[in-house]
């Protein structure tokens, strides 16, 4: 980007950032892509709840191997980190 590095304002995000995450922005007259943060927030929330409950449920059964439950708990941790990132981006004023 040719703009100087400065903190972005809420208005900058409302207008949309030029070519942000979209290498084909403006190609053949297309508008730049916009992030679907709300959809990502819902999916990360669902993934967190599902993986956490499924992982704990899996580990509660004694006759099952442990590794699938651990994998589900790791995925729950990844979803939790994703939720934090999404909430910070939305609080900053990014559209979506």
PDB file of N, CA and C in Angstrom:
ATOM      1  N   UNK A   1       0.835  -1.167   0.000  1.00  0.00           N
ATOM      2  CA  UNK A   1       0.000   0.000   0.000  1.00  0.00           C
ATOM      3  C   UNK A   1       0.885   1.236   0.000  1.00  0.00           C
ATOM      4  N   UNK A   2       0.455   2.234  -0.688  1.00  0.00           N
ATOM      5  CA  UNK A   2       1.255   3.434  -0.779  1.00  0.00           C
ATOM      6  C   UNK A   2       0.944   4.433   0.332  1.00  0.00           C
ATOM      7  N   UNK A   3      -0.038   4.132   1.171  1.00  0.00           N
ATOM      8  CA  UNK A   3      -0.394   5.031   2.255  1.00  0.00           C
ATOM      9  C   UNK A   3       0.662   4.951   3.359  1.00  0.00           C
ATOM     10  N   UNK A   4       0.889   6.063   4.052  1.00  0.00           N
ATOM     11  CA  UNK A   4       1.848   6.007   5.164  1.00  0.00           C
ATOM     12  C   UNK A   4       1.305   5.153   6.297  1.00  0.00           C
ATOM     13  N   UNK A   5       2.232   4.585   7.073  1.00  0.00           N
ATOM     14  CA  UNK A   5       1.826   3.761   8.211  1.00  0.00           C
ATOM     15  C   UNK A   5       1.317   4.664   9.319  1.00  0.00           C
ATOM     16  N   UNK A   6       0.055   4.563   9.618  1.00  0.00           N
ATOM     17  CA  UNK A   6      -0.569   5.330  10.690  1.00  0.00           C
ATOM     18  C   UNK A   6      -1.668   4.475  11.279  1.00  0.00           C
ATOM     19  N   UNK A   7      -2.047   4.755  12.510  1.00  0.00           N
ATOM     20  CA  UNK A   7      -3.161   3.984  13.092  1.00  0.00           C
ATOM     21  C   UNK A   7      -4.435   4.231  12.286  1.00  0.00           C
ATOM     22  N   UNK A   8      -5.141   3.162  12.007  1.00  0.00           N
ATOM     23  CA  UNK A   8      -6.362   3.293  11.222  1.00  0.00           C
ATOM     24  C   UNK A   8      -7.526   3.693  12.116  1.00  0.00           C
ATOM     25  N   UNK A   9      -8.397   4.511  11.563  1.00  0.00           N
ATOM     26  CA  UNK A   9      -9.576   4.951  12.311  1.00  0.00           C
ATOM     27  C   UNK A   9     -10.764   4.062  11.964  1.00  0.00           C
ATOM     28  N   UNK A  10     -11.833   4.224  12.715  1.00  0.00           N
ATOM     29  CA  UNK A  10     -13.054   3.465  12.456  1.00  0.00           C
ATOM     30  C   UNK A  10     -13.583   3.775  11.048  1.00  0.00           C
ATOM     31  N   UNK A  11     -13.435   5.026  10.614  1.00  0.00           N
ATOM     32  CA  UNK A  11     -13.905   5.416   9.280  1.00  0.00           C
ATOM     33  C   UNK A  11     -13.129   4.695   8.181  1.00  0.00           C
ATOM     34  N   UNK A  12     -11.831   4.459   8.424  1.00  0.00           N
ATOM     35  CA  UNK A  12     -11.039   3.724   7.435  1.00  0.00           C
ATOM     36  C   UNK A  12     -11.608   2.322   7.227  1.00  0.00           C
ATOM     37  N   UNK A  13     -11.994   1.671   8.325  1.00  0.00           N
ATOM     38  CA  UNK A  13     -12.538   0.321   8.207  1.00  0.00           C
ATOM     39  C   UNK A  13     -13.941   0.337   7.624  1.00  0.00           C
ATOM     40  N   UNK A  14     -14.732   1.356   7.926  1.00  0.00           N
ATOM     41  CA  UNK A  14     -16.081   1.440   7.369  1.00  0.00           C
ATOM     42  C   UNK A  14     -16.031   1.637   5.855  1.00  0.00           C
ATOM     43  N   UNK A  15     -15.046   2.423   5.392  1.00  0.00           N
ATOM     44  CA  UNK A  15     -14.880   2.613   3.953  1.00  0.00           C
ATOM     45  C   UNK A  15     -14.351   1.351   3.297  1.00  0.00           C
ATOM     46  N   UNK A  16     -13.611   0.569   4.039  1.00  0.00           N
ATOM     47  CA  UNK A  16     -12.972  -0.630   3.489  1.00  0.00           C
ATOM     48  C   UNK A  16     -11.526  -0.332   3.169  1.00  0.00           C
ATOM     49  N   UNK A  17     -10.681  -1.259   3.454  1.00  0.00           N
ATOM     50  CA  UNK A  17      -9.264  -1.079   3.182  1.00  0.00           C
ATOM     51  C   UNK A  17      -8.973  -1.515   1.752  1.00  0.00           C
ATOM     52  N   UNK A  18      -8.188  -0.741   1.020  1.00  0.00           N
ATOM     53  CA  UNK A  18      -7.921  -1.093  -0.372  1.00  0.00           C
ATOM     54  C   UNK A  18      -7.106  -2.383  -0.481  1.00  0.00           C
ATOM     55  N   UNK A  19      -7.611  -3.303  -1.271  1.00  0.00           N
ATOM     56  CA  UNK A  19      -6.940  -4.577  -1.557  1.00  0.00           C
ATOM     57  C   UNK A  19      -6.619  -5.387  -0.309  1.00  0.00           C
ATOM     58  N   UNK A  20      -7.355  -5.188   0.768  1.00  0.00           N
ATOM     59  CA  UNK A  20      -7.094  -5.897   2.016  1.00  0.00           C
ATOM     60  C   UNK A  20      -7.515  -7.354   1.880  1.00  0.00           C
ATOM     61  N   UNK A  21      -6.571  -8.271   1.965  1.00  0.00           N
ATOM     62  CA  UNK A  21      -6.795  -9.713   1.865  1.00  0.00           C
ATOM     63  C   UNK A  21      -7.372 -10.136   0.515  1.00  0.00           C
ATOM     64  N   UNK A  22      -7.250  -9.315  -0.495  1.00  0.00           N
ATOM     65  CA  UNK A  22      -7.836  -9.663  -1.785  1.00  0.00           C
ATOM     66  C   UNK A  22      -6.890  -9.241  -2.909  1.00  0.00           C
ATOM     67  N   UNK A  23      -6.062 -10.166  -3.389  1.00  0.00           N
ATOM     68  CA  UNK A  23      -5.114  -9.797  -4.437  1.00  0.00           C
ATOM     69  C   UNK A  23      -5.786  -9.462  -5.765  1.00  0.00           C
ATOM     70  N   UNK A  24      -7.047  -9.848  -5.950  1.00  0.00           N
ATOM     71  CA  UNK A  24      -7.734  -9.564  -7.209  1.00  0.00           C
ATOM     72  C   UNK A  24      -8.700  -8.399  -7.079  1.00  0.00           C
ATOM     73  N   UNK A  25      -8.601  -7.598  -6.025  1.00  0.00           N
ATOM     74  CA  UNK A  25      -9.519  -6.478  -5.836  1.00  0.00           C
ATOM     75  C   UNK A  25      -9.399  -5.513  -7.011  1.00  0.00           C
ATOM     76  N   UNK A  26     -10.528  -5.135  -7.533  1.00  0.00           N
ATOM     77  CA  UNK A  26     -10.543  -4.203  -8.649  1.00  0.00           C
ATOM     78  C   UNK A  26     -10.343  -4.867  -9.998  1.00  0.00           C
ATOM     79  N   UNK A  27     -10.091  -6.152 -10.040  1.00  0.00           N
ATOM     80  CA  UNK A  27      -9.892  -6.857 -11.304  1.00  0.00           C
ATOM     81  C   UNK A  27     -11.200  -6.880 -12.070  1.00  0.00           C
ATOM     82  N   UNK A  28     -11.186  -6.399 -13.267  1.00  0.00           N
ATOM     83  CA  UNK A  28     -12.362  -6.363 -14.145  1.00  0.00           C
ATOM     84  C   UNK A  28     -13.526  -5.607 -13.504  1.00  0.00           C
ATOM     85  N   UNK A  29     -13.209  -4.598 -12.728  1.00  0.00           N
ATOM     86  CA  UNK A  29     -14.258  -3.763 -12.142  1.00  0.00           C
ATOM     87  C   UNK A  29     -14.891  -4.322 -10.884  1.00  0.00           C
ATOM     88  N   UNK A  30     -14.367  -5.415 -10.347  1.00  0.00           N
ATOM     89  CA  UNK A  30     -14.946  -6.011  -9.148  1.00  0.00           C
ATOM     90  C   UNK A  30     -14.603  -5.176  -7.924  1.00  0.00           C
ATOM     91  N   UNK A  31     -15.526  -5.124  -6.980  1.00  0.00           N
ATOM     92  CA  UNK A  31     -15.271  -4.422  -5.731  1.00  0.00           C
ATOM     93  C   UNK A  31     -14.361  -5.271  -4.851  1.00  0.00           C
ATOM     94  N   UNK A  32     -13.603  -4.637  -3.962  1.00  0.00           N
ATOM     95  CA  UNK A  32     -12.757  -5.415  -3.054  1.00  0.00           C
ATOM     96  C   UNK A  32     -13.598  -6.308  -2.148  1.00  0.00           C
ATOM     97  N   UNK A  33     -13.055  -7.479  -1.831  1.00  0.00           N
ATOM     98  CA  UNK A  33     -13.756  -8.416  -0.959  1.00  0.00           C
ATOM     99  C   UNK A  33     -13.795  -7.866   0.459  1.00  0.00           C
ATOM    100  N   UNK A  34     -14.840  -8.235   1.204  1.00  0.00           N
ATOM    101  CA  UNK A  34     -14.961  -7.827   2.597  1.00  0.00           C
ATOM    102  C   UNK A  34     -15.043  -9.070   3.457  1.00  0.00           C
ATOM    103  N   UNK A  35     -14.450  -8.987   4.605  1.00  0.00           N
ATOM    104  CA  UNK A  35     -14.389 -10.122   5.507  1.00  0.00           C
ATOM    105  C   UNK A  35     -15.747 -10.358   6.170  1.00  0.00           C
ATOM    106  N   UNK A  36     -16.115 -11.610   6.332  1.00  0.00           N
ATOM    107  CA  UNK A  36     -17.359 -11.981   7.005  1.00  0.00           C
ATOM    108  C   UNK A  36     -17.046 -12.319   8.460  1.00  0.00           C
ATOM    109  N   UNK A  37     -16.718 -11.296   9.242  1.00  0.00           N
ATOM    110  CA  UNK A  37     -16.303 -11.529  10.621  1.00  0.00           C
ATOM    111  C   UNK A  37     -17.422 -12.092  11.484  1.00  0.00           C
ATOM    112  N   UNK A  38     -18.657 -11.657  11.243  1.00  0.00           N
ATOM    113  CA  UNK A  38     -19.758 -12.149  12.072  1.00  0.00           C
ATOM    114  C   UNK A  38     -19.981 -13.638  11.828  1.00  0.00           C
ATOM    115  N   UNK A  39     -19.923 -14.058  10.587  1.00  0.00           N
ATOM    116  CA  UNK A  39     -20.056 -15.486  10.285  1.00  0.00           C
ATOM    117  C   UNK A  39     -18.903 -16.271  10.916  1.00  0.00           C
ATOM    118  N   UNK A  40     -17.702 -15.731  10.815  1.00  0.00           N
ATOM    119  CA  UNK A  40     -16.544 -16.390  11.416  1.00  0.00           C
ATOM    120  C   UNK A  40     -16.690 -16.467  12.934  1.00  0.00           C
ATOM    121  N   UNK A  41     -17.278 -15.434  13.540  1.00  0.00           N
ATOM    122  CA  UNK A  41     -17.507 -15.423  14.986  1.00  0.00           C
ATOM    123  C   UNK A  41     -18.479 -16.532  15.387  1.00  0.00           C
ATOM    124  N   UNK A  42     -19.558 -16.678  14.646  1.00  0.00           N
ATOM    125  CA  UNK A  42     -20.543 -17.718  14.948  1.00  0.00           C
ATOM    126  C   UNK A  42     -19.943 -19.109  14.772  1.00  0.00           C
ATOM    127  N   UNK A  43     -19.211 -19.310  13.695  1.00  0.00           N
ATOM    128  CA  UNK A  43     -18.618 -20.628  13.449  1.00  0.00           C
ATOM    129  C   UNK A  43     -17.550 -20.973  14.484  1.00  0.00           C
ATOM    130  N   UNK A  44     -16.755 -19.989  14.888  1.00  0.00           N
ATOM    131  CA  UNK A  44     -15.742 -20.245  15.918  1.00  0.00           C
ATOM    132  C   UNK A  44     -16.404 -20.542  17.257  1.00  0.00           C
ATOM    133  N   UNK A  45     -17.498 -19.860  17.560  1.00  0.00           N
ATOM    134  CA  UNK A  45     -18.229 -20.135  18.803  1.00  0.00           C
ATOM    135  C   UNK A  45     -18.807 -21.544  18.809  1.00  0.00           C
ATOM    136  N   UNK A  46     -19.395 -21.928  17.681  1.00  0.00           N
ATOM    137  CA  UNK A  46     -19.926 -23.285  17.577  1.00  0.00           C
ATOM    138  C   UNK A  46     -18.808 -24.317  17.704  1.00  0.00           C
ATOM    139  N   UNK A  47     -17.689 -24.076  17.024  1.00  0.00           N
ATOM    140  CA  UNK A  47     -16.561 -25.007  17.091  1.00  0.00           C
ATOM    141  C   UNK A  47     -16.017 -25.135  18.497  1.00  0.00           C
ATOM    142  N   UNK A  48     -15.968 -24.018  19.223  1.00  0.00           N
ATOM    143  CA  UNK A  48     -15.473 -24.054  20.596  1.00  0.00           C
ATOM    144  C   UNK A  48     -16.382 -24.905  21.479  1.00  0.00           C
ATOM    145  N   UNK A  49     -17.680 -24.647  21.426  1.00  0.00           N
ATOM    146  CA  UNK A  49     -18.624 -25.388  22.274  1.00  0.00           C
ATOM    147  C   UNK A  49     -18.643 -26.864  21.894  1.00  0.00           C
ATOM    148  N   UNK A  50     -18.741 -27.155  20.605  1.00  0.00           N
ATOM    149  CA  UNK A  50     -18.823 -28.542  20.160  1.00  0.00           C
ATOM    150  C   UNK A  50     -17.558 -29.324  20.517  1.00  0.00           C
ATOM    151  N   UNK A  51     -16.389 -28.762  20.177  1.00  0.00           N
ATOM    152  CA  UNK A  51     -15.131 -29.483  20.431  1.00  0.00           C
ATOM    153  C   UNK A  51     -14.872 -29.640  21.919  1.00  0.00           C
ATOM    154  N   UNK A  52     -15.222 -28.644  22.705  1.00  0.00           N
ATOM    155  CA  UNK A  52     -15.007 -28.735  24.147  1.00  0.00           C
ATOM    156  C   UNK A  52     -15.890 -29.821  24.757  1.00  0.00           C
ATOM    157  N   UNK A  53     -17.177 -29.815  24.420  1.00  0.00           N
ATOM    158  CA  UNK A  53     -18.080 -30.823  24.965  1.00  0.00           C
ATOM    159  C   UNK A  53     -17.756 -32.223  24.449  1.00  0.00           C
ATOM    160  N   UNK A  54     -17.456 -32.324  23.155  1.00  0.00           N
ATOM    161  CA  UNK A  54     -17.137 -33.633  22.584  1.00  0.00           C
ATOM    162  C   UNK A  54     -15.826 -34.172  23.152  1.00  0.00           C
ATOM    163  N   UNK A  55     -14.837 -33.303  23.319  1.00  0.00           N
ATOM    164  CA  UNK A  55     -13.554 -33.746  23.871  1.00  0.00           C
ATOM    165  C   UNK A  55     -13.678 -34.205  25.308  1.00  0.00           C
ATOM    166  N   UNK A  56     -14.409 -33.432  26.121  1.00  0.00           N
ATOM    167  CA  UNK A  56     -14.598 -33.836  27.514  1.00  0.00           C
ATOM    168  C   UNK A  56     -15.452 -35.101  27.611  1.00  0.00           C
ATOM    169  N   UNK A  57     -16.456 -35.205  26.751  1.00  0.00           N
ATOM    170  CA  UNK A  57     -17.276 -36.414  26.727  1.00  0.00           C
ATOM    171  C   UNK A  57     -16.482 -37.637  26.311  1.00  0.00           C
ATOM    172  N   UNK A  58     -15.606 -37.451  25.335  1.00  0.00           N
ATOM    173  CA  UNK A  58     -14.774 -38.563  24.868  1.00  0.00           C
ATOM    174  C   UNK A  58     -13.831 -39.031  25.980  1.00  0.00           C
ATOM    175  N   UNK A  59     -13.234 -38.058  26.687  1.00  0.00           N
ATOM    176  CA  UNK A  59     -12.296 -38.428  27.747  1.00  0.00           C
ATOM    177  C   UNK A  59     -13.000 -39.023  28.965  1.00  0.00           C
ATOM    178  N   UNK A  60     -14.305 -38.785  29.106  1.00  0.00           N
ATOM    179  CA  UNK A  60     -15.049 -39.324  30.241  1.00  0.00           C
ATOM    180  C   UNK A  60     -15.298 -40.827  30.099  1.00  0.00           C
ATOM    181  N   UNK A  61     -15.294 -41.320  28.871  1.00  0.00           N
ATOM    182  CA  UNK A  61     -15.501 -42.755  28.639  1.00  0.00           C
ATOM    183  C   UNK A  61     -14.160 -43.460  28.779  1.00  0.00           C
ATOM    184  N   UNK A  62     -14.112 -44.470  29.617  1.00  0.00           N
ATOM    185  CA  UNK A  62     -12.832 -45.102  29.949  1.00  0.00           C
ATOM    186  C   UNK A  62     -12.311 -46.067  28.882  1.00  0.00           C
ATOM    187  N   UNK A  63     -13.172 -46.680  28.095  1.00  0.00           N
ATOM    188  CA  UNK A  63     -12.729 -47.706  27.149  1.00  0.00           C
ATOM    189  C   UNK A  63     -12.247 -47.144  25.814  1.00  0.00           C
ATOM    190  N   UNK A  64     -12.324 -45.840  25.626  1.00  0.00           N
ATOM    191  CA  UNK A  64     -11.927 -45.235  24.353  1.00  0.00           C
ATOM    192  C   UNK A  64     -10.484 -44.736  24.430  1.00  0.00           C
ATOM    193  N   UNK A  65      -9.790 -44.699  23.279  1.00  0.00           N
ATOM    194  CA  UNK A  65      -8.426 -44.146  23.290  1.00  0.00           C
ATOM    195  C   UNK A  65      -8.452 -42.646  23.627  1.00  0.00           C
ATOM    196  N   UNK A  66      -7.376 -42.160  24.180  1.00  0.00           N
ATOM    197  CA  UNK A  66      -7.321 -40.786  24.674  1.00  0.00           C
ATOM    198  C   UNK A  66      -7.068 -39.762  23.569  1.00  0.00           C
ATOM    199  N   UNK A  67      -6.315 -40.116  22.540  1.00  0.00           N
ATOM    200  CA  UNK A  67      -5.860 -39.126  21.569  1.00  0.00           C
ATOM    201  C   UNK A  67      -6.980 -38.374  20.850  1.00  0.00           C
ATOM    202  N   UNK A  68      -8.138 -38.992  20.488  1.00  0.00           N
ATOM    203  CA  UNK A  68      -9.169 -38.176  19.840  1.00  0.00           C
ATOM    204  C   UNK A  68      -9.727 -37.084  20.761  1.00  0.00           C
ATOM    205  N   UNK A  69      -9.845 -37.384  22.039  1.00  0.00           N
ATOM    206  CA  UNK A  69     -10.316 -36.371  22.985  1.00  0.00           C
ATOM    207  C   UNK A  69      -9.334 -35.222  23.110  1.00  0.00           C
ATOM    208  N   UNK A  70      -8.045 -35.544  23.099  1.00  0.00           N
ATOM    209  CA  UNK A  70      -7.024 -34.504  23.181  1.00  0.00           C
ATOM    210  C   UNK A  70      -7.041 -33.642  21.924  1.00  0.00           C
ATOM    211  N   UNK A  71      -7.214 -34.269  20.768  1.00  0.00           N
ATOM    212  CA  UNK A  71      -7.297 -33.518  19.505  1.00  0.00           C
ATOM    213  C   UNK A  71      -8.485 -32.568  19.539  1.00  0.00           C
ATOM    214  N   UNK A  72      -9.629 -33.027  20.032  1.00  0.00           N
ATOM    215  CA  UNK A  72     -10.805 -32.164  20.122  1.00  0.00           C
ATOM    216  C   UNK A  72     -10.567 -30.997  21.079  1.00  0.00           C
ATOM    217  N   UNK A  73      -9.879 -31.229  22.170  1.00  0.00           N
ATOM    218  CA  UNK A  73      -9.586 -30.136  23.109  1.00  0.00           C
ATOM    219  C   UNK A  73      -8.592 -29.141  22.507  1.00  0.00           C
ATOM    220  N   UNK A  74      -7.655 -29.609  21.711  1.00  0.00           N
ATOM    221  CA  UNK A  74      -6.737 -28.696  21.022  1.00  0.00           C
ATOM    222  C   UNK A  74      -7.505 -27.847  20.007  1.00  0.00           C
ATOM    223  N   UNK A  75      -8.428 -28.471  19.299  1.00  0.00           N
ATOM    224  CA  UNK A  75      -9.262 -27.708  18.353  1.00  0.00           C
ATOM    225  C   UNK A  75     -10.126 -26.682  19.084  1.00  0.00           C
ATOM    226  N   UNK A  76     -10.594 -27.013  20.269  1.00  0.00           N
ATOM    227  CA  UNK A  76     -11.351 -26.059  21.077  1.00  0.00           C
ATOM    228  C   UNK A  76     -10.474 -24.873  21.465  1.00  0.00           C
ATOM    229  N   UNK A  77      -9.216 -25.137  21.788  1.00  0.00           N
ATOM    230  CA  UNK A  77      -8.287 -24.049  22.122  1.00  0.00           C
ATOM    231  C   UNK A  77      -8.031 -23.159  20.910  1.00  0.00           C
ATOM    232  N   UNK A  78      -7.909 -23.748  19.741  1.00  0.00           N
ATOM    233  CA  UNK A  78      -7.719 -22.975  18.510  1.00  0.00           C
ATOM    234  C   UNK A  78      -8.951 -22.095  18.257  1.00  0.00           C
ATOM    235  N   UNK A  79     -10.145 -22.639  18.458  1.00  0.00           N
ATOM    236  CA  UNK A  79     -11.360 -21.858  18.283  1.00  0.00           C
ATOM    237  C   UNK A  79     -11.431 -20.712  19.282  1.00  0.00           C
ATOM    238  N   UNK A  80     -10.967 -20.925  20.505  1.00  0.00           N
ATOM    239  CA  UNK A  80     -10.973 -19.864  21.515  1.00  0.00           C
ATOM    240  C   UNK A  80     -10.024 -18.730  21.114  1.00  0.00           C
ATOM    241  N   UNK A  81      -8.855 -19.073  20.605  1.00  0.00           N
ATOM    242  CA  UNK A  81      -7.919 -18.041  20.139  1.00  0.00           C
ATOM    243  C   UNK A  81      -8.520 -17.282  18.965  1.00  0.00           C
ATOM    244  N   UNK A  82      -9.167 -17.994  18.054  1.00  0.00           N
ATOM    245  CA  UNK A  82      -9.817 -17.360  16.917  1.00  0.00           C
ATOM    246  C   UNK A  82     -10.909 -16.399  17.377  1.00  0.00           C
ATOM    247  N   UNK A  83     -11.673 -16.785  18.389  1.00  0.00           N
ATOM    248  CA  UNK A  83     -12.700 -15.896  18.928  1.00  0.00           C
ATOM    249  C   UNK A  83     -12.095 -14.602  19.462  1.00  0.00           C
ATOM    250  N   UNK A  84     -10.988 -14.697  20.157  1.00  0.00           N
ATOM    251  CA  UNK A  84     -10.336 -13.498  20.698  1.00  0.00           C
ATOM    252  C   UNK A  84      -9.895 -12.579  19.560  1.00  0.00           C
ATOM    253  N   UNK A  85      -9.310 -13.154  18.527  1.00  0.00           N
ATOM    254  CA  UNK A  85      -8.851 -12.358  17.390  1.00  0.00           C
ATOM    255  C   UNK A  85     -10.029 -11.675  16.702  1.00  0.00           C
ATOM    256  N   UNK A  86     -11.122 -12.396  16.501  1.00  0.00           N
ATOM    257  CA  UNK A  86     -12.294 -11.837  15.834  1.00  0.00           C
ATOM    258  C   UNK A  86     -12.897 -10.706  16.656  1.00  0.00           C
ATOM    259  N   UNK A  87     -13.026 -10.903  17.950  1.00  0.00           N
ATOM    260  CA  UNK A  87     -13.615  -9.873  18.811  1.00  0.00           C
ATOM    261  C   UNK A  87     -12.742  -8.618  18.796  1.00  0.00           C
ATOM    262  N   UNK A  88     -11.428  -8.781  18.813  1.00  0.00           N
ATOM    263  CA  UNK A  88     -10.540  -7.611  18.751  1.00  0.00           C
ATOM    264  C   UNK A  88     -10.696  -6.878  17.433  1.00  0.00           C
ATOM    265  N   UNK A  89     -10.819  -7.617  16.323  1.00  0.00           N
ATOM    266  CA  UNK A  89     -10.986  -6.965  15.020  1.00  0.00           C
ATOM    267  C   UNK A  89     -12.316  -6.243  14.934  1.00  0.00           C
ATOM    268  N   UNK A  90     -13.377  -6.838  15.454  1.00  0.00           N
ATOM    269  CA  UNK A  90     -14.680  -6.179  15.444  1.00  0.00           C
ATOM    270  C   UNK A  90     -14.693  -4.953  16.341  1.00  0.00           C
ATOM    271  N   UNK A  91     -14.028  -5.036  17.493  1.00  0.00           N
ATOM    272  CA  UNK A  91     -13.962  -3.884  18.392  1.00  0.00           C
ATOM    273  C   UNK A  91     -13.172  -2.733  17.782  1.00  0.00           C
ATOM    274  N   UNK A  92     -12.232  -3.062  16.931  1.00  0.00           N
ATOM    275  CA  UNK A  92     -11.429  -2.058  16.250  1.00  0.00           C
ATOM    276  C   UNK A  92     -12.247  -1.335  15.184  1.00  0.00           C
ATOM    277  N   UNK A  93     -13.362  -1.946  14.770  1.00  0.00           N
ATOM    278  CA  UNK A  93     -14.253  -1.295  13.826  1.00  0.00           C
ATOM    279  C   UNK A  93     -14.240  -1.871  12.431  1.00  0.00           C
ATOM    280  N   UNK A  94     -13.599  -3.009  12.238  1.00  0.00           N
ATOM    281  CA  UNK A  94     -13.606  -3.596  10.903  1.00  0.00           C
ATOM    282  C   UNK A  94     -15.017  -4.043  10.536  1.00  0.00           C
ATOM    283  N   UNK A  95     -15.420  -3.833   9.298  1.00  0.00           N
ATOM    284  CA  UNK A  95     -16.765  -4.257   8.891  1.00  0.00           C
ATOM    285  C   UNK A  95     -16.834  -5.771   8.751  1.00  0.00           C
ATOM    286  N   UNK A  96     -18.025  -6.279   8.813  1.00  0.00           N
ATOM    287  CA  UNK A  96     -18.183  -7.710   8.611  1.00  0.00           C
ATOM    288  C   UNK A  96     -18.985  -8.274   9.692  1.00  0.00           C
TER     289      UNK A  96
END
